[in-house]
C-alpha atoms as a PDB file:
ATOM      1  CA  MET A   1      15.258 -10.585   6.050  1.00  0.00           C
ATOM      2  CA  LYS A   2      15.252 -10.835   2.191  1.00  0.00           C
ATOM      3  CA  LEU A   3      11.967  -9.903   1.667  1.00  0.00           C
ATOM      4  CA  HIS A   4      12.834  -6.968   3.272  1.00  0.00           C
ATOM      5  CA  LYS A   5      15.078  -6.120   1.047  1.00  0.00           C
ATOM      6  CA  ALA A   6      12.780  -7.044  -1.812  1.00  0.00           C
ATOM      7  CA  ALA A   7      10.185  -5.096  -0.594  1.00  0.00           C
ATOM      8  CA  PHE A   8      12.110  -1.869  -0.744  1.00  0.00           C
ATOM      9  CA  ALA A   9      13.359  -2.562  -4.104  1.00  0.00           C
ATOM     10  CA  PHE A  10      10.183  -2.871  -5.705  1.00  0.00           C
ATOM     11  CA  LEU A  11       8.290  -0.153  -3.701  1.00  0.00           C
ATOM     12  CA  PRO A  12       9.761   2.528  -5.883  1.00  0.00           C
ATOM     13  CA  ALA A  13       8.511   0.737  -9.053  1.00  0.00           C
ATOM     14  CA  LEU A  14       5.104   0.444  -7.998  1.00  0.00           C
ATOM     15  CA  LEU A  15       4.833   4.091  -6.630  1.00  0.00           C
ATOM     16  CA  LEU A  16       6.329   5.032 -10.286  1.00  0.00           C
ATOM     17  CA  ALA A  17       3.954   2.894 -11.716  1.00  0.00           C
ATOM     18  CA  ALA A  18       0.836   4.404  -9.924  1.00  0.00           C
ATOM     19  CA  CYS A  19       1.851   7.951 -10.736  1.00  0.00           C
ATOM     20  CA  ALA A  20      -1.382   9.608 -12.457  1.00  0.00           C
ATOM     21  CA  GLU A  21      -0.446  11.974 -16.124  1.00  0.00           C
ATOM     22  CA  THR A  22      -1.803  14.753 -17.870  1.00  0.00           C
ATOM     23  CA  PRO A  23      -3.710  12.490 -20.748  1.00  0.00           C
ATOM     24  CA  MET A  24      -1.408  13.296 -24.317  1.00  0.00           C
ATOM     25  CA  GLY A  25      -4.675  13.113 -26.250  1.00  0.00           C
ATOM     26  CA  PRO A  26      -8.228  12.388 -26.272  1.00  0.00           C
ATOM     27  CA  THR A  27      -9.625   8.664 -27.042  1.00  0.00           C
ATOM     28  CA  ALA A  28     -12.570  10.228 -28.275  1.00  0.00           C
ATOM     29  CA  GLN A  29     -12.715  10.321 -32.482  1.00  0.00           C
ATOM     30  CA  VAL A  30     -14.549  13.617 -34.240  1.00  0.00           C
ATOM     31  CA  LEU A  31     -14.463  13.672 -37.514  1.00  0.00           C
ATOM     32  CA  PRO A  32     -14.019  17.239 -39.879  1.00  0.00           C
ATOM     33  CA  GLY A  33     -17.481  19.094 -40.165  1.00  0.00           C
ATOM     34  CA  PRO A  34     -19.101  18.449 -43.781  1.00  0.00           C
ATOM     35  CA  GLY A  35     -17.330  20.530 -46.125  1.00  0.00           C
ATOM     36  CA  LYS A  36     -14.396  21.568 -43.895  1.00  0.00           C
ATOM     37  CA  ASP A  37     -11.393  21.525 -45.367  1.00  0.00           C
ATOM     38  CA  TYR A  38      -8.379  19.505 -43.028  1.00  0.00           C
ATOM     39  CA  GLY A  39      -6.305  22.531 -42.511  1.00  0.00           C
ATOM     40  CA  THR A  40      -9.017  23.823 -40.467  1.00  0.00           C
ATOM     41  CA  PHE A  41     -10.082  20.921 -39.085  1.00  0.00           C
ATOM     42  CA  LEU A  42      -6.258  20.486 -37.339  1.00  0.00           C
ATOM     43  CA  GLN A  43      -5.968  24.211 -36.088  1.00  0.00           C
ATOM     44  CA  GLU A  44      -9.306  23.328 -33.904  1.00  0.00           C
ATOM     45  CA  GLN A  45      -7.743  20.353 -33.177  1.00  0.00           C
ATOM     46  CA  ASN A  46      -5.097  21.488 -31.430  1.00  0.00           C
ATOM     47  CA  PHE A  47      -6.621  24.489 -30.058  1.00  0.00           C
ATOM     48  CA  CYS A  48      -9.177  22.201 -28.761  1.00  0.00           C
ATOM     49  CA  ARG A  49      -6.323  20.166 -26.852  1.00  0.00           C
ATOM     50  CA  SER A  50      -4.863  22.694 -25.658  1.00  0.00           C
ATOM     51  CA  GLN A  51      -8.500  23.824 -23.794  1.00  0.00           C
ATOM     52  CA  ALA A  52      -8.989  20.176 -22.909  1.00  0.00           C
ATOM     53  CA  ALA A  53      -5.215  20.280 -21.620  1.00  0.00           C
ATOM     54  CA  ALA A  54      -5.696  23.214 -19.581  1.00  0.00           C
ATOM     55  CA  ALA A  55      -9.153  21.807 -18.085  1.00  0.00           C
ATOM     56  CA  VAL A  56      -7.441  18.803 -16.019  1.00  0.00           C
ATOM     57  CA  HIS A  57      -4.399  20.881 -15.173  1.00  0.00           C
ATOM     58  CA  GLY A  58      -2.407  19.976 -12.111  1.00  0.00           C
ATOM     59  CA  GLN A  59      -5.204  17.642 -11.232  1.00  0.00           C
ATOM     60  CA  ALA A  60      -2.505  14.969 -11.404  1.00  0.00           C
ATOM     61  CA  GLY A  61       0.028  16.281  -9.580  1.00  0.00           C
ATOM     62  CA  SER A  62      -2.784  16.416  -6.486  1.00  0.00           C
ATOM     63  CA  GLN A  63      -3.272  13.106  -7.318  1.00  0.00           C
ATOM     64  CA  ASN A  64       0.105  11.671  -6.872  1.00  0.00           C
ATOM     65  CA  ARG A  65       0.781  14.050  -4.117  1.00  0.00           C
ATOM     66  CA  LYS A  66      -2.199  12.085  -2.749  1.00  0.00           C
ATOM     67  CA  VAL A  67      -0.660   8.588  -3.000  1.00  0.00           C
ATOM     68  CA  LEU A  68       2.791   9.939  -1.942  1.00  0.00           C
ATOM     69  CA  TYR A  69       1.577  11.026   1.603  1.00  0.00           C
ATOM     70  CA  GLY A  70      -0.818   7.904   1.922  1.00  0.00           C
ATOM     71  CA  GLY A  71       1.996   5.935   1.150  1.00  0.00           C
ATOM     72  CA  LEU A  72       4.276   7.882   3.716  1.00  0.00           C
ATOM     73  CA  ALA A  73       1.359   7.393   6.648  1.00  0.00           C
ATOM     74  CA  THR A  74       0.768   3.960   6.182  1.00  0.00           C
ATOM     75  CA  THR A  75       4.567   3.374   6.197  1.00  0.00           C
ATOM     76  CA  ALA A  76       4.799   5.224   9.684  1.00  0.00           C
ATOM     77  CA  LEU A  77       1.262   3.242  10.818  1.00  0.00           C
ATOM     78  CA  GLY A  78       3.133  -0.062   9.858  1.00  0.00           C
ATOM     79  CA  ALA A  79       6.415   1.187  11.615  1.00  0.00           C
ATOM     80  CA  GLY A  80       4.205   2.330  15.035  1.00  0.00           C
ATOM     81  CA  LEU A  81       2.243  -0.649  15.182  1.00  0.00           C
ATOM     82  CA  GLY A  82       5.400  -3.382  14.395  1.00  0.00           C
ATOM     83  CA  ALA A  83       7.121  -1.408  17.154  1.00  0.00           C
ATOM     84  CA  ALA A  84       4.075  -1.604  19.571  1.00  0.00           C
ATOM     85  CA  VAL A  85       4.023  -5.549  18.741  1.00  0.00           C
ATOM     86  CA  GLY A  86       7.966  -6.770  18.175  1.00  0.00           C
ATOM     87  CA  GLY A  87      10.106  -4.000  19.438  1.00  0.00           C
ATOM     88  CA  GLY A  88      12.794  -2.824  17.098  1.00  0.00           C
ATOM     89  CA  THR A  89      12.503  -5.603  14.716  1.00  0.00           C
ATOM     90  CA  GLY A  90       8.770  -5.611  14.266  1.00  0.00           C
ATOM     91  CA  ALA A  91       8.695  -1.697  13.657  1.00  0.00           C
ATOM     92  CA  GLY A  92      11.447  -2.571  10.493  1.00  0.00           C
ATOM     93  CA  ILE A  93       8.912  -5.103   9.288  1.00  0.00           C
ATOM     94  CA  GLY A  94       5.768  -2.949  10.076  1.00  0.00           C
ATOM     95  CA  ALA A  95       6.833  -0.152   8.016  1.00  0.00           C
ATOM     96  CA  ALA A  96       8.087  -2.621   5.205  1.00  0.00           C
ATOM     97  CA  ALA A  97       4.289  -4.365   5.431  1.00  0.00           C
ATOM     98  CA  GLY A  98       3.081  -0.456   5.607  1.00  0.00           C
ATOM     99  CA  ALA A  99       5.214   0.868   2.476  1.00  0.00           C
ATOM    100  CA  LEU A 100       3.917  -2.798   0.407  1.00  0.00           C
ATOM    101  CA  GLY A 101       0.599  -1.679   1.023  1.00  0.00           C
ATOM    102  CA  GLY A 102       0.496   1.706   0.666  1.00  0.00           C
ATOM    103  CA  GLY A 103       2.444   1.424  -2.334  1.00  0.00           C
ATOM    104  CA  LEU A 104      -0.164  -1.174  -3.939  1.00  0.00           C
ATOM    105  CA  GLY A 105      -3.328   0.665  -2.055  1.00  0.00           C
ATOM    106  CA  GLY A 106      -1.795   3.948  -3.970  1.00  0.00           C
ATOM    107  CA  SER A 107      -1.286   2.126  -7.343  1.00  0.00           C
ATOM    108  CA  ALA A 108      -4.628   1.024  -7.412  1.00  0.00           C
ATOM    109  CA  TYR A 109      -6.238   4.601  -6.088  1.00  0.00           C
ATOM    110  CA  SER A 110      -4.188   6.347  -9.008  1.00  0.00           C
ATOM    111  CA  ASN A 111      -5.032   4.002 -11.661  1.00  0.00           C
ATOM    112  CA  SER A 112      -8.744   4.990 -11.218  1.00  0.00           C
ATOM    113  CA  GLN A 113      -7.695   8.598 -11.343  1.00  0.00           C
ATOM    114  CA  GLN A 114      -6.100   8.429 -14.440  1.00  0.00           C
ATOM    115  CA  GLY A 115      -9.614   7.263 -15.676  1.00  0.00           C
ATOM    116  CA  GLY A 116     -11.196  10.002 -14.357  1.00  0.00           C
ATOM    117  CA  ILE A 117      -8.533  12.447 -15.562  1.00  0.00           C
ATOM    118  CA  GLN A 118      -9.060  11.404 -18.951  1.00  0.00           C
ATOM    119  CA  THR A 119     -12.765  11.156 -18.775  1.00  0.00           C
ATOM    120  CA  GLN A 120     -12.895  15.294 -18.189  1.00  0.00           C
ATOM    121  CA  TYR A 121     -10.346  15.781 -21.055  1.00  0.00           C
ATOM    122  CA  ASN A 122     -12.388  14.035 -22.939  1.00  0.00           C
ATOM    123  CA  ASN A 123     -15.489  15.508 -22.359  1.00  0.00           C
ATOM    124  CA  ALA A 124     -13.490  19.423 -22.594  1.00  0.00           C
ATOM    125  CA  TYR A 125     -12.176  18.195 -26.092  1.00  0.00           C
ATOM    126  CA  VAL A 126     -15.111  16.815 -27.411  1.00  0.00           C
ATOM    127  CA  ALA A 127     -17.524  19.911 -26.628  1.00  0.00           C
ATOM    128  CA  CYS A 128     -14.735  22.223 -27.914  1.00  0.00           C
ATOM    129  CA  MET A 129     -14.939  20.430 -31.204  1.00  0.00           C
ATOM    130  CA  VAL A 130     -18.303  20.252 -31.820  1.00  0.00           C
ATOM    131  CA  ALA A 131     -18.942  23.927 -30.958  1.00  0.00           C
ATOM    132  CA  TYR A 132     -16.421  24.210 -34.480  1.00  0.00           C
ATOM    133  CA  LYS A 133     -19.531  22.119 -35.975  1.00  0.00           C
ATOM    134  CA  ASN A 134     -16.969  19.352 -36.043  1.00  0.00           C
ATOM    135  CA  VAL A 135     -18.772  15.839 -35.337  1.00  0.00           C
ATOM    136  CA  LEU A 136     -19.034  12.726 -33.579  1.00  0.00           C
ATOM    137  CA  PRO A 137     -18.860   9.424 -36.116  1.00  0.00           C
ATOM    138  CA  ALA A 138     -21.939   7.589 -35.404  1.00  0.00           C
ATOM    139  CA  PRO A 139     -22.236   4.599 -33.655  1.00  0.00           C
ATOM    140  CA  ASN A 140     -22.255   1.236 -35.145  1.00  0.00           C
ATOM    141  CA  ALA A 141     -25.169   0.260 -36.512  1.00  0.00           C
ATOM    142  CA  GLY A 142     -24.122  -2.894 -37.506  1.00  0.00           C
ATOM    143  CA  TYR A 143     -24.657  -4.385 -34.103  1.00  0.00           C
ATOM    144  CA  MET A 144     -27.910  -4.619 -32.602  1.00  0.00           C
ATOM    145  CA  PRO A 145     -28.544  -6.923 -29.594  1.00  0.00           C
ATOM    146  CA  GLN A 146     -31.024  -9.851 -30.258  1.00  0.00           C
ATOM    147  CA  GLN A 147     -34.593  -9.138 -27.721  1.00  0.00           C
END
């Protein structure tokens, strides 16, 4: 019985940790174009961040709803299977197992979706900044793999 209580105690923490979020900013570096003053660069950067945020608006909420519905479905499925096998006690065990499995699966799904949302954000941000004639830093030419 202690296992059931522990599983339900940790489930909210797992589900909250699984939530996808709209990116707080880009992870791609863009530098001011040649001769551009820093104030202009900052204005362009703020505009491009807002454009990137608009490009991914609502995606995190959509992914989180999918995780929630999946968690509810696995809980119900686990309860149904547990009831079919073991009656009332089996339903509780099945619901706990379904909730735990759904929470873990949802966490993995949400984490993978977060990376995709960040990539889309970065792409929109970089495209906007390059349109304003800002530049991407050159790749590190100091490392060349031996062949």
